């Protein structure tokens, strides 16, 4: 009986350890569809020239997958971006590892950080091809009868960044709250506002490969 109880206890502990829960959560919705914000992993890199952080919606994403996706349009997004969810990125032209708080309101914009919230709204699939019949430019994009790819940012937020990416001082991204979302669909230039709020705190893994990413400040 004791042995069986011990086995059951270890099995329960294994299940708890193996569970993946998102650290940053919320939702984004437009008049056409909605997507979940469920961030499981984050990756960061900084130099004297600035820093960037990429936050993903897939529990099994890793540094090489993220760097490859951000460096080539020919990489299937599903390794780092789950269907029906949003990914986030933050670029800071000046970064202080000791810690910095960046806030923005609709009346007081900031140049200290540039956020991107990229969402796969509605039901669809990532497919390879051209977004626009008049264009020959091919890449992976979110598509379907009820699918809309939305790219935007929060007009109001307070976010804390800190850390130098080491084991003793890891990167931390703490979104107290982000709301007032606005953006557009890639094939439509008109502004497409979105409802939604997201918040949470996550430790970001140091990822030197991000230096080669097109969104790293240079």
N, C-alpha and C. Protein backbone atom coordinates (compact mmCIF):
# COMPACT_ATOMS: atom_id res chain seq x y z
N UNK A 1 0.81 -1.20 0.00
CA UNK A 1 0.00 0.00 0.00
C UNK A 1 0.85 1.26 0.00
N UNK A 2 1.91 1.23 0.84
CA UNK A 2 2.80 2.38 0.89
C UNK A 2 3.46 2.61 -0.45
N UNK A 3 3.90 1.47 -1.07
CA UNK A 3 4.58 1.58 -2.36
C UNK A 3 3.64 2.15 -3.42
N UNK A 4 2.37 1.67 -3.40
CA UNK A 4 1.41 2.16 -4.39
C UNK A 4 1.11 3.64 -4.17
N UNK A 5 1.04 4.06 -2.91
CA UNK A 5 0.80 5.47 -2.60
C UNK A 5 1.94 6.33 -3.10
N UNK A 6 3.18 5.83 -2.95
CA UNK A 6 4.35 6.58 -3.41
C UNK A 6 4.35 6.71 -4.92
N UNK A 7 3.99 5.62 -5.61
CA UNK A 7 3.91 5.66 -7.07
C UNK A 7 2.87 6.67 -7.52
N UNK A 8 1.70 6.67 -6.85
CA UNK A 8 0.64 7.60 -7.20
C UNK A 8 1.07 9.04 -6.97
N UNK A 9 1.79 9.29 -5.87
CA UNK A 9 2.27 10.63 -5.56
C UNK A 9 3.25 11.11 -6.60
N UNK A 10 4.19 10.25 -6.99
CA UNK A 10 5.18 10.63 -8.00
C UNK A 10 4.50 10.90 -9.33
N UNK A 11 3.50 10.11 -9.66
CA UNK A 11 2.78 10.32 -10.93
C UNK A 11 2.08 11.65 -10.91
N UNK A 12 1.48 12.01 -9.78
CA UNK A 12 0.80 13.30 -9.69
C UNK A 12 1.78 14.44 -9.80
N UNK A 13 2.94 14.29 -9.13
CA UNK A 13 3.95 15.34 -9.22
C UNK A 13 4.45 15.50 -10.63
N UNK A 14 4.60 14.39 -11.36
CA UNK A 14 5.07 14.47 -12.74
C UNK A 14 4.07 15.21 -13.60
N UNK A 15 2.75 14.95 -13.36
CA UNK A 15 1.72 15.64 -14.14
C UNK A 15 1.77 17.13 -13.90
N UNK A 16 1.95 17.53 -12.63
CA UNK A 16 1.99 18.94 -12.30
C UNK A 16 3.17 19.62 -12.96
N UNK A 17 4.34 18.96 -12.86
CA UNK A 17 5.54 19.53 -13.46
C UNK A 17 5.40 19.65 -14.97
N UNK A 18 4.72 18.66 -15.59
CA UNK A 18 4.61 18.65 -17.04
C UNK A 18 3.56 19.58 -17.59
N UNK A 19 2.68 20.08 -16.73
CA UNK A 19 1.63 20.97 -17.22
C UNK A 19 2.22 22.28 -17.71
N UNK A 20 1.71 22.77 -18.83
CA UNK A 20 2.13 24.05 -19.38
C UNK A 20 0.99 25.03 -19.23
N UNK A 21 1.26 26.15 -18.61
CA UNK A 21 0.24 27.18 -18.49
C UNK A 21 0.78 28.47 -19.06
N UNK A 22 -0.04 29.24 -19.79
CA UNK A 22 0.44 30.51 -20.35
C UNK A 22 0.71 31.51 -19.25
N UNK A 23 1.76 32.31 -19.45
CA UNK A 23 2.18 33.29 -18.45
C UNK A 23 1.62 34.68 -18.74
N UNK A 24 1.31 34.94 -19.99
CA UNK A 24 0.67 36.19 -20.39
C UNK A 24 -0.61 35.81 -21.13
N UNK A 25 -1.73 36.37 -20.70
CA UNK A 25 -3.01 35.94 -21.24
C UNK A 25 -3.88 37.14 -21.61
N UNK A 26 -4.90 36.87 -22.38
CA UNK A 26 -5.84 37.91 -22.78
C UNK A 26 -6.53 37.51 -24.06
N UNK A 27 -7.05 38.48 -24.78
CA UNK A 27 -7.74 38.22 -26.04
C UNK A 27 -7.70 39.47 -26.91
N UNK A 28 -7.84 39.24 -28.20
CA UNK A 28 -7.91 40.33 -29.18
C UNK A 28 -9.05 40.00 -30.13
N UNK A 29 -9.92 40.97 -30.38
CA UNK A 29 -11.04 40.72 -31.29
C UNK A 29 -11.34 41.96 -32.11
N UNK A 30 -11.67 41.73 -33.36
CA UNK A 30 -12.16 42.79 -34.24
C UNK A 30 -13.60 42.45 -34.61
N UNK A 31 -14.19 43.23 -35.48
CA UNK A 31 -15.56 42.94 -35.92
C UNK A 31 -15.63 41.65 -36.72
N UNK A 32 -14.47 41.15 -37.18
CA UNK A 32 -14.45 39.98 -38.05
C UNK A 32 -14.07 38.68 -37.36
N UNK A 33 -13.41 38.76 -36.21
CA UNK A 33 -12.97 37.53 -35.56
C UNK A 33 -12.20 37.82 -34.29
N UNK A 34 -11.82 36.75 -33.61
CA UNK A 34 -11.08 36.93 -32.36
C UNK A 34 -9.95 35.91 -32.27
N UNK A 35 -8.99 36.20 -31.37
CA UNK A 35 -7.86 35.31 -31.13
C UNK A 35 -7.51 35.35 -29.66
N UNK A 36 -6.91 34.28 -29.19
CA UNK A 36 -6.51 34.17 -27.80
C UNK A 36 -5.08 34.65 -27.63
N UNK A 37 -4.80 35.33 -26.54
CA UNK A 37 -3.44 35.64 -26.15
C UNK A 37 -3.06 34.64 -25.07
N UNK A 38 -2.15 33.75 -25.39
CA UNK A 38 -1.69 32.72 -24.45
C UNK A 38 -0.20 32.52 -24.70
N UNK A 39 0.62 33.28 -23.99
CA UNK A 39 2.06 33.27 -24.21
C UNK A 39 2.73 32.26 -23.27
N UNK A 40 3.41 31.27 -23.87
CA UNK A 40 4.07 30.22 -23.12
C UNK A 40 5.58 30.39 -23.02
N UNK A 41 6.17 31.01 -24.02
CA UNK A 41 7.63 31.13 -24.07
C UNK A 41 8.00 32.54 -24.51
N UNK A 42 9.16 33.00 -24.05
CA UNK A 42 9.67 34.31 -24.47
C UNK A 42 11.17 34.21 -24.66
N UNK A 43 11.69 35.00 -25.58
CA UNK A 43 13.11 34.98 -25.92
C UNK A 43 13.60 36.41 -26.05
N UNK A 44 14.83 36.65 -25.59
CA UNK A 44 15.34 38.01 -25.61
C UNK A 44 16.81 38.09 -25.91
N UNK A 45 17.25 39.28 -26.30
CA UNK A 45 18.67 39.53 -26.57
C UNK A 45 18.89 41.03 -26.51
N UNK A 46 20.04 41.44 -26.00
CA UNK A 46 20.32 42.88 -25.95
C UNK A 46 21.80 43.13 -26.18
N UNK A 47 22.10 44.33 -26.65
CA UNK A 47 23.46 44.83 -26.78
C UNK A 47 23.42 46.29 -26.31
N UNK A 48 24.53 46.98 -26.48
CA UNK A 48 24.54 48.41 -26.13
C UNK A 48 23.62 49.20 -27.04
N UNK A 49 23.25 48.62 -28.19
CA UNK A 49 22.40 49.32 -29.16
C UNK A 49 20.91 49.13 -28.91
N UNK A 50 20.54 48.25 -27.99
CA UNK A 50 19.13 48.04 -27.73
C UNK A 50 18.81 46.60 -27.41
N UNK A 51 17.54 46.28 -27.40
CA UNK A 51 17.09 44.93 -27.05
C UNK A 51 15.82 44.59 -27.81
N UNK A 52 15.56 43.29 -27.90
CA UNK A 52 14.30 42.84 -28.45
C UNK A 52 13.84 41.61 -27.68
N UNK A 53 12.53 41.44 -27.64
CA UNK A 53 11.93 40.29 -27.00
C UNK A 53 10.85 39.75 -27.92
N UNK A 54 10.80 38.42 -28.04
CA UNK A 54 9.77 37.78 -28.86
C UNK A 54 9.03 36.79 -27.99
N UNK A 55 7.70 36.91 -27.93
CA UNK A 55 6.85 36.13 -27.05
C UNK A 55 5.95 35.23 -27.88
N UNK A 56 5.99 33.92 -27.61
CA UNK A 56 5.33 32.96 -28.48
C UNK A 56 4.17 32.23 -27.80
N UNK A 57 3.27 31.73 -28.65
CA UNK A 57 2.07 31.04 -28.19
C UNK A 57 2.18 29.53 -28.27
N UNK A 58 3.38 28.99 -28.45
CA UNK A 58 3.56 27.54 -28.51
C UNK A 58 4.49 27.09 -27.40
N UNK A 59 4.07 26.10 -26.59
CA UNK A 59 4.90 25.64 -25.47
C UNK A 59 6.23 25.02 -25.88
N UNK A 60 6.31 24.48 -27.11
CA UNK A 60 7.54 23.80 -27.53
C UNK A 60 8.43 24.67 -28.41
N UNK A 61 8.17 25.97 -28.47
CA UNK A 61 9.05 26.85 -29.26
C UNK A 61 10.40 26.96 -28.56
N UNK A 62 11.43 27.25 -29.34
CA UNK A 62 12.76 27.43 -28.78
C UNK A 62 13.50 28.50 -29.56
N UNK A 63 14.69 28.84 -29.10
CA UNK A 63 15.47 29.92 -29.70
C UNK A 63 15.73 29.70 -31.20
N UNK A 64 16.24 28.52 -31.62
CA UNK A 64 16.49 28.32 -33.05
C UNK A 64 15.24 28.46 -33.91
N UNK A 65 14.10 27.94 -33.42
CA UNK A 65 12.86 28.04 -34.20
C UNK A 65 12.45 29.50 -34.39
N UNK A 66 12.53 30.27 -33.30
CA UNK A 66 12.13 31.67 -33.37
C UNK A 66 13.05 32.45 -34.30
N UNK A 67 14.36 32.24 -34.15
CA UNK A 67 15.32 32.96 -34.98
C UNK A 67 15.15 32.61 -36.46
N UNK A 68 14.90 31.34 -36.74
CA UNK A 68 14.70 30.92 -38.13
C UNK A 68 13.43 31.55 -38.71
N UNK A 69 12.36 31.56 -37.91
CA UNK A 69 11.10 32.14 -38.38
C UNK A 69 11.24 33.63 -38.66
N UNK A 70 11.97 34.34 -37.80
CA UNK A 70 12.13 35.78 -37.97
C UNK A 70 13.14 36.14 -39.05
N UNK A 71 13.87 35.16 -39.55
CA UNK A 71 14.90 35.42 -40.56
C UNK A 71 14.50 34.97 -41.96
N UNK A 72 13.41 34.20 -42.07
CA UNK A 72 13.02 33.68 -43.37
C UNK A 72 11.51 33.59 -43.50
N UNK A 73 10.97 34.04 -44.61
CA UNK A 73 9.53 33.95 -44.86
C UNK A 73 9.11 32.53 -45.22
N UNK A 74 10.07 31.65 -45.48
CA UNK A 74 9.75 30.30 -45.93
C UNK A 74 9.58 29.31 -44.79
N UNK A 75 9.59 29.79 -43.55
CA UNK A 75 9.43 28.92 -42.39
C UNK A 75 7.97 28.90 -41.95
N UNK A 76 7.41 27.71 -41.83
CA UNK A 76 6.03 27.55 -41.37
C UNK A 76 5.89 28.15 -39.96
N UNK A 77 4.97 29.08 -39.75
CA UNK A 77 4.86 29.75 -38.46
C UNK A 77 4.43 28.86 -37.31
N UNK A 78 3.82 27.71 -37.58
CA UNK A 78 3.20 26.93 -36.52
C UNK A 78 4.18 26.44 -35.46
N UNK A 79 5.48 26.44 -35.76
CA UNK A 79 6.46 26.06 -34.75
C UNK A 79 6.57 27.07 -33.63
N UNK A 80 6.15 28.31 -33.91
CA UNK A 80 6.25 29.37 -32.89
C UNK A 80 4.95 30.13 -32.69
N UNK A 81 3.98 29.92 -33.59
CA UNK A 81 2.74 30.70 -33.57
C UNK A 81 1.55 29.76 -33.76
N UNK A 82 0.81 29.52 -32.70
CA UNK A 82 -0.30 28.58 -32.75
C UNK A 82 -1.49 29.19 -33.47
N UNK A 83 -2.20 28.42 -34.28
CA UNK A 83 -3.40 28.92 -34.96
C UNK A 83 -4.40 29.48 -33.95
N UNK A 84 -5.03 30.59 -34.32
CA UNK A 84 -6.04 31.19 -33.47
C UNK A 84 -5.51 31.96 -32.28
N UNK A 85 -4.21 32.28 -32.30
CA UNK A 85 -3.60 32.99 -31.17
C UNK A 85 -2.81 34.20 -31.66
N UNK A 86 -2.22 34.92 -30.70
CA UNK A 86 -1.40 36.09 -31.01
C UNK A 86 0.02 35.90 -30.49
N UNK A 87 1.00 36.39 -31.24
CA UNK A 87 2.38 36.49 -30.78
C UNK A 87 2.72 37.96 -30.58
N UNK A 88 3.68 38.22 -29.71
CA UNK A 88 4.06 39.59 -29.40
C UNK A 88 5.55 39.77 -29.59
N UNK A 89 5.95 40.98 -29.96
CA UNK A 89 7.36 41.33 -29.99
C UNK A 89 7.53 42.76 -29.48
N UNK A 90 8.67 42.99 -28.85
CA UNK A 90 8.98 44.32 -28.32
C UNK A 90 10.41 44.66 -28.72
N UNK A 91 10.60 45.85 -29.28
CA UNK A 91 11.93 46.33 -29.66
C UNK A 91 12.21 47.61 -28.89
N UNK A 92 13.36 47.63 -28.20
CA UNK A 92 13.73 48.79 -27.40
C UNK A 92 15.05 49.35 -27.94
N UNK A 93 15.06 50.58 -28.45
CA UNK A 93 16.30 51.17 -28.98
C UNK A 93 17.33 51.43 -27.89
N UNK A 94 16.88 51.58 -26.66
CA UNK A 94 17.77 51.74 -25.51
C UNK A 94 17.25 50.83 -24.40
N UNK A 95 18.16 50.05 -23.83
CA UNK A 95 17.73 49.06 -22.85
C UNK A 95 18.62 49.12 -21.62
N UNK A 96 17.98 49.09 -20.45
CA UNK A 96 18.70 49.10 -19.18
C UNK A 96 18.45 47.78 -18.46
N UNK A 97 19.45 46.88 -18.40
CA UNK A 97 19.27 45.58 -17.74
C UNK A 97 18.90 45.71 -16.26
N UNK A 98 19.22 46.83 -15.65
CA UNK A 98 18.88 47.02 -14.24
C UNK A 98 17.38 47.16 -14.04
N UNK A 99 16.67 47.41 -15.12
CA UNK A 99 15.21 47.51 -15.04
C UNK A 99 14.71 48.83 -15.58
N UNK A 100 13.62 48.79 -16.30
CA UNK A 100 13.01 49.99 -16.84
C UNK A 100 11.50 49.76 -17.01
N UNK A 101 10.75 50.79 -16.71
CA UNK A 101 9.30 50.75 -16.88
C UNK A 101 8.92 51.69 -18.01
N UNK A 102 8.17 51.17 -18.96
CA UNK A 102 7.74 51.96 -20.11
C UNK A 102 6.23 52.02 -20.12
N UNK A 103 5.70 53.23 -20.15
CA UNK A 103 4.25 53.42 -20.18
C UNK A 103 3.85 54.25 -21.39
N UNK A 104 2.63 54.02 -21.81
CA UNK A 104 2.08 54.81 -22.92
C UNK A 104 0.59 54.98 -22.70
N UNK A 105 0.10 56.14 -23.06
CA UNK A 105 -1.34 56.38 -23.13
C UNK A 105 -1.64 56.96 -24.51
N UNK A 106 -2.90 57.04 -24.83
CA UNK A 106 -3.29 57.58 -26.15
C UNK A 106 -2.82 59.02 -26.31
N UNK A 107 -2.71 59.74 -25.19
CA UNK A 107 -2.29 61.14 -25.26
C UNK A 107 -0.80 61.33 -25.04
N UNK A 108 -0.11 60.27 -24.62
CA UNK A 108 1.32 60.38 -24.34
C UNK A 108 2.05 59.17 -24.92
N UNK A 109 2.30 59.17 -26.25
CA UNK A 109 3.02 58.05 -26.88
C UNK A 109 4.46 58.01 -26.43
N UNK A 110 5.14 56.90 -26.72
CA UNK A 110 6.52 56.73 -26.31
C UNK A 110 7.35 56.16 -27.46
N UNK A 111 8.63 56.51 -27.49
CA UNK A 111 9.57 55.95 -28.46
C UNK A 111 10.51 54.96 -27.78
N UNK A 112 10.27 54.66 -26.49
CA UNK A 112 11.15 53.78 -25.75
C UNK A 112 10.97 52.31 -26.12
N UNK A 113 9.80 51.98 -26.67
CA UNK A 113 9.55 50.60 -27.08
C UNK A 113 8.56 50.60 -28.24
N UNK A 114 8.77 49.67 -29.17
CA UNK A 114 7.83 49.45 -30.26
C UNK A 114 7.27 48.04 -30.11
N UNK A 115 5.98 47.96 -29.87
CA UNK A 115 5.31 46.67 -29.72
C UNK A 115 4.69 46.23 -31.03
N UNK A 116 4.65 44.93 -31.24
CA UNK A 116 3.89 44.36 -32.34
C UNK A 116 3.06 43.21 -31.78
N UNK A 117 1.76 43.26 -32.03
CA UNK A 117 0.85 42.18 -31.65
C UNK A 117 0.32 41.59 -32.95
N UNK A 118 0.68 40.33 -33.21
CA UNK A 118 0.33 39.70 -34.48
C UNK A 118 -0.62 38.54 -34.20
N UNK A 119 -1.83 38.63 -34.74
CA UNK A 119 -2.88 37.68 -34.38
C UNK A 119 -3.44 36.94 -35.59
N UNK A 120 -3.73 35.66 -35.38
CA UNK A 120 -4.43 34.84 -36.37
C UNK A 120 -5.88 34.74 -35.91
N UNK A 121 -6.71 35.67 -36.39
CA UNK A 121 -8.11 35.76 -35.94
C UNK A 121 -8.98 34.73 -36.65
N UNK A 122 -9.95 34.20 -35.91
CA UNK A 122 -10.93 33.31 -36.53
C UNK A 122 -10.40 31.91 -36.79
N UNK A 123 -11.09 31.20 -37.66
CA UNK A 123 -10.74 29.81 -38.00
C UNK A 123 -10.10 29.77 -39.38
N UNK A 124 -8.91 29.21 -39.45
CA UNK A 124 -8.22 29.14 -40.73
C UNK A 124 -7.02 28.23 -40.64
N UNK A 125 -6.02 28.51 -41.47
CA UNK A 125 -4.80 27.71 -41.51
C UNK A 125 -3.67 28.56 -42.06
N UNK A 126 -2.44 28.21 -41.70
CA UNK A 126 -1.28 28.85 -42.28
C UNK A 126 -0.97 28.16 -43.61
N UNK A 127 -0.95 28.93 -44.68
CA UNK A 127 -0.69 28.37 -46.01
C UNK A 127 0.39 29.17 -46.72
N UNK A 128 1.09 28.51 -47.62
CA UNK A 128 2.11 29.16 -48.43
C UNK A 128 1.49 29.68 -49.71
N UNK A 129 1.78 30.93 -50.04
CA UNK A 129 1.24 31.49 -51.28
C UNK A 129 1.33 32.99 -51.28
N UNK A 130 0.50 33.63 -52.10
CA UNK A 130 0.49 35.08 -52.18
C UNK A 130 -0.74 35.61 -51.45
N UNK A 131 -0.57 36.67 -50.68
CA UNK A 131 -1.69 37.27 -49.96
C UNK A 131 -2.63 38.02 -50.90
N UNK A 132 -2.05 38.56 -51.95
CA UNK A 132 -2.80 39.42 -52.87
C UNK A 132 -2.63 38.89 -54.29
N UNK A 133 -3.72 38.77 -55.01
CA UNK A 133 -3.65 38.26 -56.38
C UNK A 133 -2.80 39.14 -57.28
N UNK A 134 -2.65 40.41 -56.93
CA UNK A 134 -1.87 41.33 -57.75
C UNK A 134 -0.39 41.31 -57.39
N UNK A 135 -0.01 40.47 -56.44
CA UNK A 135 1.39 40.43 -56.00
C UNK A 135 1.99 39.06 -56.27
N UNK A 136 3.30 39.04 -56.55
CA UNK A 136 4.03 37.78 -56.73
C UNK A 136 4.82 37.40 -55.48
N UNK A 137 4.70 38.21 -54.44
CA UNK A 137 5.46 37.99 -53.21
C UNK A 137 4.80 36.86 -52.40
N UNK A 138 5.53 35.75 -52.21
CA UNK A 138 4.98 34.60 -51.52
C UNK A 138 5.54 34.48 -50.11
N UNK A 139 4.68 34.02 -49.20
CA UNK A 139 5.12 33.69 -47.85
C UNK A 139 4.00 32.90 -47.18
N UNK A 140 4.23 32.51 -45.92
CA UNK A 140 3.18 31.84 -45.16
C UNK A 140 2.24 32.90 -44.59
N UNK A 141 0.95 32.67 -44.68
CA UNK A 141 0.01 33.62 -44.11
C UNK A 141 -1.23 32.88 -43.63
N UNK A 142 -1.95 33.52 -42.71
CA UNK A 142 -3.15 32.96 -42.11
C UNK A 142 -4.33 33.22 -43.03
N UNK A 143 -5.02 32.17 -43.44
CA UNK A 143 -6.07 32.34 -44.43
C UNK A 143 -7.22 31.36 -44.20
N UNK A 144 -8.37 31.68 -44.77
CA UNK A 144 -9.56 30.85 -44.65
C UNK A 144 -10.80 31.71 -44.81
N UNK A 145 -11.95 31.07 -44.93
CA UNK A 145 -13.20 31.82 -45.12
C UNK A 145 -13.49 32.76 -43.96
N UNK A 146 -13.12 32.34 -42.73
CA UNK A 146 -13.37 33.15 -41.54
C UNK A 146 -12.07 33.48 -40.83
N UNK A 147 -11.00 33.66 -41.60
CA UNK A 147 -9.68 33.91 -41.02
C UNK A 147 -9.18 35.30 -41.41
N UNK A 148 -8.62 36.01 -40.45
CA UNK A 148 -8.07 37.34 -40.69
C UNK A 148 -6.76 37.48 -39.92
N UNK A 149 -5.72 37.84 -40.63
CA UNK A 149 -4.44 38.10 -39.97
C UNK A 149 -4.38 39.59 -39.63
N UNK A 150 -4.20 39.87 -38.36
CA UNK A 150 -4.23 41.25 -37.86
C UNK A 150 -2.90 41.58 -37.21
N UNK A 151 -2.34 42.73 -37.52
CA UNK A 151 -1.08 43.18 -36.95
C UNK A 151 -1.29 44.56 -36.35
N UNK A 152 -1.00 44.71 -35.07
CA UNK A 152 -1.21 46.00 -34.44
C UNK A 152 -0.38 46.17 -33.18
N UNK A 153 -0.85 47.03 -32.31
CA UNK A 153 -0.15 47.29 -31.06
C UNK A 153 -1.11 47.92 -30.07
N UNK A 154 -0.69 47.98 -28.82
CA UNK A 154 -1.49 48.59 -27.79
C UNK A 154 -1.19 50.08 -27.68
N UNK A 155 -2.23 50.87 -27.61
CA UNK A 155 -2.05 52.31 -27.47
C UNK A 155 -1.91 52.73 -26.01
N UNK A 156 -2.27 51.83 -25.10
CA UNK A 156 -2.13 52.12 -23.68
C UNK A 156 -1.52 50.90 -22.99
N UNK A 157 -0.42 51.11 -22.30
CA UNK A 157 0.22 49.99 -21.60
C UNK A 157 1.22 50.49 -20.57
N UNK A 158 1.51 49.60 -19.63
CA UNK A 158 2.62 49.77 -18.71
C UNK A 158 3.36 48.44 -18.66
N UNK A 159 4.64 48.45 -19.03
CA UNK A 159 5.43 47.23 -19.11
C UNK A 159 6.77 47.43 -18.42
N UNK A 160 7.18 46.43 -17.65
CA UNK A 160 8.48 46.45 -16.98
C UNK A 160 9.42 45.46 -17.66
N UNK A 161 10.60 45.93 -18.04
CA UNK A 161 11.64 45.09 -18.63
C UNK A 161 12.84 45.08 -17.69
N UNK A 162 13.49 43.92 -17.57
CA UNK A 162 14.70 43.86 -16.74
C UNK A 162 15.51 42.62 -17.07
N UNK A 163 16.75 42.60 -16.56
CA UNK A 163 17.62 41.44 -16.69
C UNK A 163 18.66 41.56 -17.77
N UNK A 164 19.77 40.82 -17.57
CA UNK A 164 20.82 40.80 -18.58
C UNK A 164 20.92 39.45 -19.28
N UNK A 165 19.94 38.60 -19.06
CA UNK A 165 19.88 37.34 -19.79
C UNK A 165 20.72 36.22 -19.24
N UNK A 166 21.22 36.37 -18.01
CA UNK A 166 22.02 35.31 -17.39
C UNK A 166 21.15 34.49 -16.44
N UNK A 167 21.73 33.38 -15.95
CA UNK A 167 20.98 32.53 -15.03
C UNK A 167 20.66 33.27 -13.73
N UNK A 168 21.58 34.10 -13.28
CA UNK A 168 21.36 34.81 -12.01
C UNK A 168 20.52 36.07 -12.21
N UNK A 169 20.45 36.56 -13.43
CA UNK A 169 19.68 37.78 -13.71
C UNK A 169 18.97 37.62 -15.06
N UNK A 170 17.97 36.75 -15.11
CA UNK A 170 17.29 36.47 -16.38
C UNK A 170 16.45 37.66 -16.85
N UNK A 171 16.19 37.66 -18.14
CA UNK A 171 15.29 38.66 -18.69
C UNK A 171 13.88 38.45 -18.12
N UNK A 172 13.21 39.54 -17.81
CA UNK A 172 11.81 39.48 -17.39
C UNK A 172 11.01 40.51 -18.17
N UNK A 173 9.85 40.09 -18.62
CA UNK A 173 8.91 40.99 -19.29
C UNK A 173 7.60 40.93 -18.49
N UNK A 174 7.24 42.04 -17.89
CA UNK A 174 6.05 42.10 -17.04
C UNK A 174 5.08 43.13 -17.62
N UNK A 175 4.02 42.62 -18.23
CA UNK A 175 3.00 43.50 -18.80
C UNK A 175 1.92 43.70 -17.75
N UNK A 176 1.92 44.86 -17.12
CA UNK A 176 0.88 45.13 -16.12
C UNK A 176 -0.49 45.15 -16.78
N UNK A 177 -0.56 45.79 -17.94
CA UNK A 177 -1.78 45.77 -18.74
C UNK A 177 -1.50 46.43 -20.08
N UNK A 178 -2.09 45.87 -21.12
CA UNK A 178 -2.05 46.48 -22.44
C UNK A 178 -3.46 46.47 -23.01
N UNK A 179 -3.90 47.62 -23.49
CA UNK A 179 -5.25 47.72 -24.05
C UNK A 179 -5.25 48.81 -25.13
N UNK A 180 -6.43 49.22 -25.60
CA UNK A 180 -6.49 50.22 -26.65
C UNK A 180 -5.80 49.78 -27.92
N UNK A 181 -6.13 48.59 -28.40
CA UNK A 181 -5.43 47.99 -29.53
C UNK A 181 -5.89 48.56 -30.87
N UNK A 182 -4.93 48.78 -31.75
CA UNK A 182 -5.26 49.25 -33.09
C UNK A 182 -4.24 48.67 -34.07
N UNK A 183 -4.68 48.42 -35.30
CA UNK A 183 -3.78 47.82 -36.28
C UNK A 183 -4.45 47.75 -37.64
N UNK A 184 -4.08 46.73 -38.42
CA UNK A 184 -4.69 46.57 -39.74
C UNK A 184 -4.49 45.15 -40.22
N UNK A 185 -5.25 44.78 -41.27
CA UNK A 185 -5.02 43.54 -41.99
C UNK A 185 -3.95 43.81 -43.05
N UNK A 186 -3.03 42.87 -43.29
CA UNK A 186 -1.92 43.14 -44.22
C UNK A 186 -2.33 43.60 -45.60
N UNK A 187 -3.48 43.16 -46.09
CA UNK A 187 -3.91 43.54 -47.45
C UNK A 187 -4.86 44.73 -47.45
N UNK A 188 -5.17 45.28 -46.26
CA UNK A 188 -6.05 46.43 -46.16
C UNK A 188 -5.35 47.52 -45.37
N UNK A 189 -5.19 48.70 -45.95
CA UNK A 189 -4.45 49.77 -45.30
C UNK A 189 -5.28 50.51 -44.26
N UNK A 190 -6.60 50.36 -44.31
CA UNK A 190 -7.44 51.06 -43.34
C UNK A 190 -7.14 50.58 -41.92
N UNK A 191 -7.24 51.48 -40.96
CA UNK A 191 -7.04 51.12 -39.56
C UNK A 191 -8.17 50.21 -39.08
N UNK A 192 -7.79 49.11 -38.44
CA UNK A 192 -8.76 48.16 -37.91
C UNK A 192 -8.58 48.11 -36.39
N UNK A 193 -9.43 48.79 -35.63
CA UNK A 193 -9.32 48.75 -34.18
C UNK A 193 -9.70 47.38 -33.65
N UNK A 194 -9.20 47.06 -32.47
CA UNK A 194 -9.51 45.77 -31.85
C UNK A 194 -9.83 45.96 -30.37
N UNK A 195 -10.73 45.16 -29.88
CA UNK A 195 -11.01 45.11 -28.45
C UNK A 195 -10.10 44.07 -27.82
N UNK A 196 -9.72 44.31 -26.59
CA UNK A 196 -8.92 43.31 -25.90
C UNK A 196 -8.02 43.89 -24.85
N UNK A 197 -7.67 43.04 -23.92
CA UNK A 197 -6.74 43.40 -22.86
C UNK A 197 -5.84 42.20 -22.61
N UNK A 198 -4.56 42.45 -22.40
CA UNK A 198 -3.65 41.36 -22.09
C UNK A 198 -2.71 41.78 -20.96
N UNK A 199 -2.28 40.80 -20.18
CA UNK A 199 -1.40 41.08 -19.06
C UNK A 199 -0.71 39.80 -18.62
N UNK A 200 0.34 39.95 -17.83
CA UNK A 200 1.07 38.81 -17.30
C UNK A 200 2.56 39.07 -17.26
N UNK A 201 3.29 38.16 -16.66
CA UNK A 201 4.74 38.29 -16.50
C UNK A 201 5.41 37.00 -16.92
N UNK A 202 6.52 37.10 -17.64
CA UNK A 202 7.20 35.91 -18.14
C UNK A 202 8.71 36.12 -18.15
N UNK A 203 9.44 35.06 -17.85
CA UNK A 203 10.90 35.07 -17.95
C UNK A 203 11.28 34.73 -19.38
N UNK A 204 12.17 35.50 -19.96
CA UNK A 204 12.58 35.29 -21.35
C UNK A 204 13.95 34.62 -21.41
N UNK A 205 14.03 33.59 -22.21
CA UNK A 205 15.29 32.88 -22.41
C UNK A 205 16.23 33.72 -23.27
N UNK A 206 17.50 33.76 -22.90
CA UNK A 206 18.48 34.47 -23.71
C UNK A 206 18.66 33.77 -25.04
N UNK A 207 18.59 34.53 -26.13
CA UNK A 207 18.64 33.95 -27.48
C UNK A 207 19.52 34.82 -28.36
N UNK A 208 20.81 34.49 -28.42
CA UNK A 208 21.76 35.30 -29.20
C UNK A 208 21.44 35.33 -30.68
N UNK A 209 20.74 34.28 -31.17
CA UNK A 209 20.42 34.22 -32.59
C UNK A 209 19.48 35.34 -33.02
N UNK A 210 18.83 35.98 -32.07
CA UNK A 210 17.91 37.07 -32.42
C UNK A 210 18.64 38.28 -32.99
N UNK A 211 19.95 38.35 -32.77
CA UNK A 211 20.71 39.48 -33.29
C UNK A 211 20.60 39.58 -34.81
N UNK A 212 20.44 38.44 -35.46
CA UNK A 212 20.34 38.43 -36.93
C UNK A 212 18.92 38.66 -37.42
N UNK A 213 17.95 38.73 -36.50
CA UNK A 213 16.56 38.92 -36.90
C UNK A 213 16.34 40.31 -37.47
N UNK A 214 15.41 40.39 -38.40
CA UNK A 214 15.20 41.67 -39.10
C UNK A 214 14.65 42.74 -38.17
N UNK A 215 14.05 42.36 -37.04
CA UNK A 215 13.47 43.38 -36.17
C UNK A 215 14.41 43.83 -35.04
N UNK A 216 15.63 43.26 -35.00
CA UNK A 216 16.55 43.71 -33.95
C UNK A 216 17.11 45.08 -34.31
N UNK A 217 17.11 46.03 -33.35
CA UNK A 217 17.60 47.39 -33.67
C UNK A 217 19.09 47.38 -33.96
N UNK A 218 19.47 47.95 -35.09
CA UNK A 218 20.89 48.02 -35.45
C UNK A 218 21.21 49.43 -35.95
